[in-house]
Every structure is written in C-alpha cells, then in structure tokens.
C-alpha cells in the first residue's frame, strides 16, 4: 500500500460528508482526481485492505434507544432456517449462531432495536411466533461503550 492509499484511508475512516460529490474534497487534499480517489477505494476493497465501506445511521438520534440481545434455544437441525427467518426481521441488525455452553442452552443470538423495551419484547414475541421457538431470553443493553471500527 502506498502513501496516497494510506492517506485516503485516514481521510475516510471517520466518515465522509453527505454531499453530492463526497470524494471531491478528499481528492483535492490528496492532489489526485476524484475518479482516482474512487478507483483507489475500490482497489483497497478488492484487495481486502478495506473490508467494508458503507453508511451507518445514528439510531439513538432517531429515537431507537432500546436494544436487546435475544438469545434463543434452537434445535440444531433447524438453526439454518430459523436463523434466516429471524435475520429477515427489519428490527434485527445481527443474527449469529454460537456454540452452546454448560448451563447455557442458547445457540442463536439476535440483536433487536426499537424505541422502547416493550417494543423489543413485542418483536421477540413476533419472532417466536414466526419460528415456533419459545425458549428464549431477552437481555437489554444498559450502556454503549464503543461504536467505532479499527482506525489507523
């Protein structure tokens, strides 16, 4: 990776402006064309140096302040189909399979986001009805400690 690519990463890693030509100012700072900046980002993605380039929404600013990790005891033979169904809910941002542990039978985890804890509970009930999985527990978030990716 060359110096310009490293500078490009540093200039974009904390977000880009929501404007019609978001890479123009960055390109000017790097003394390259806007097209070159976009192509370099594509190349960094293709080479796996940048794993993800996307948008994130400040859900708390939108009033979505209740977050719940719902843990589910799903029969192993149904994990794929149930996981696909759960992941299809708009309110679910993450859906993971995990190994069961001693004294902890839960093997599927979903992160649910809503405006209130009651809404999270309602969503979990809807997921339960849609999948037929009734053995679950809801764990509510109390504090957000970190919300950033790796930085250089």
Foldseek 3Di string as FASTA:
>chain_A
DDPLLLLLCQVPQVHFDPDPLGQCVVCVVSVHHSVVSVVSVVVCCVVVVDVDDDDDDPVVVVQFDKKKKKFFQDPPVCCVVLQVLLCPDPQWPDWAADDADVVGRTGIITMGIGNDVVVVVVVVVVSCVVRVTDDMDIDIDDDDDDDHDDDD
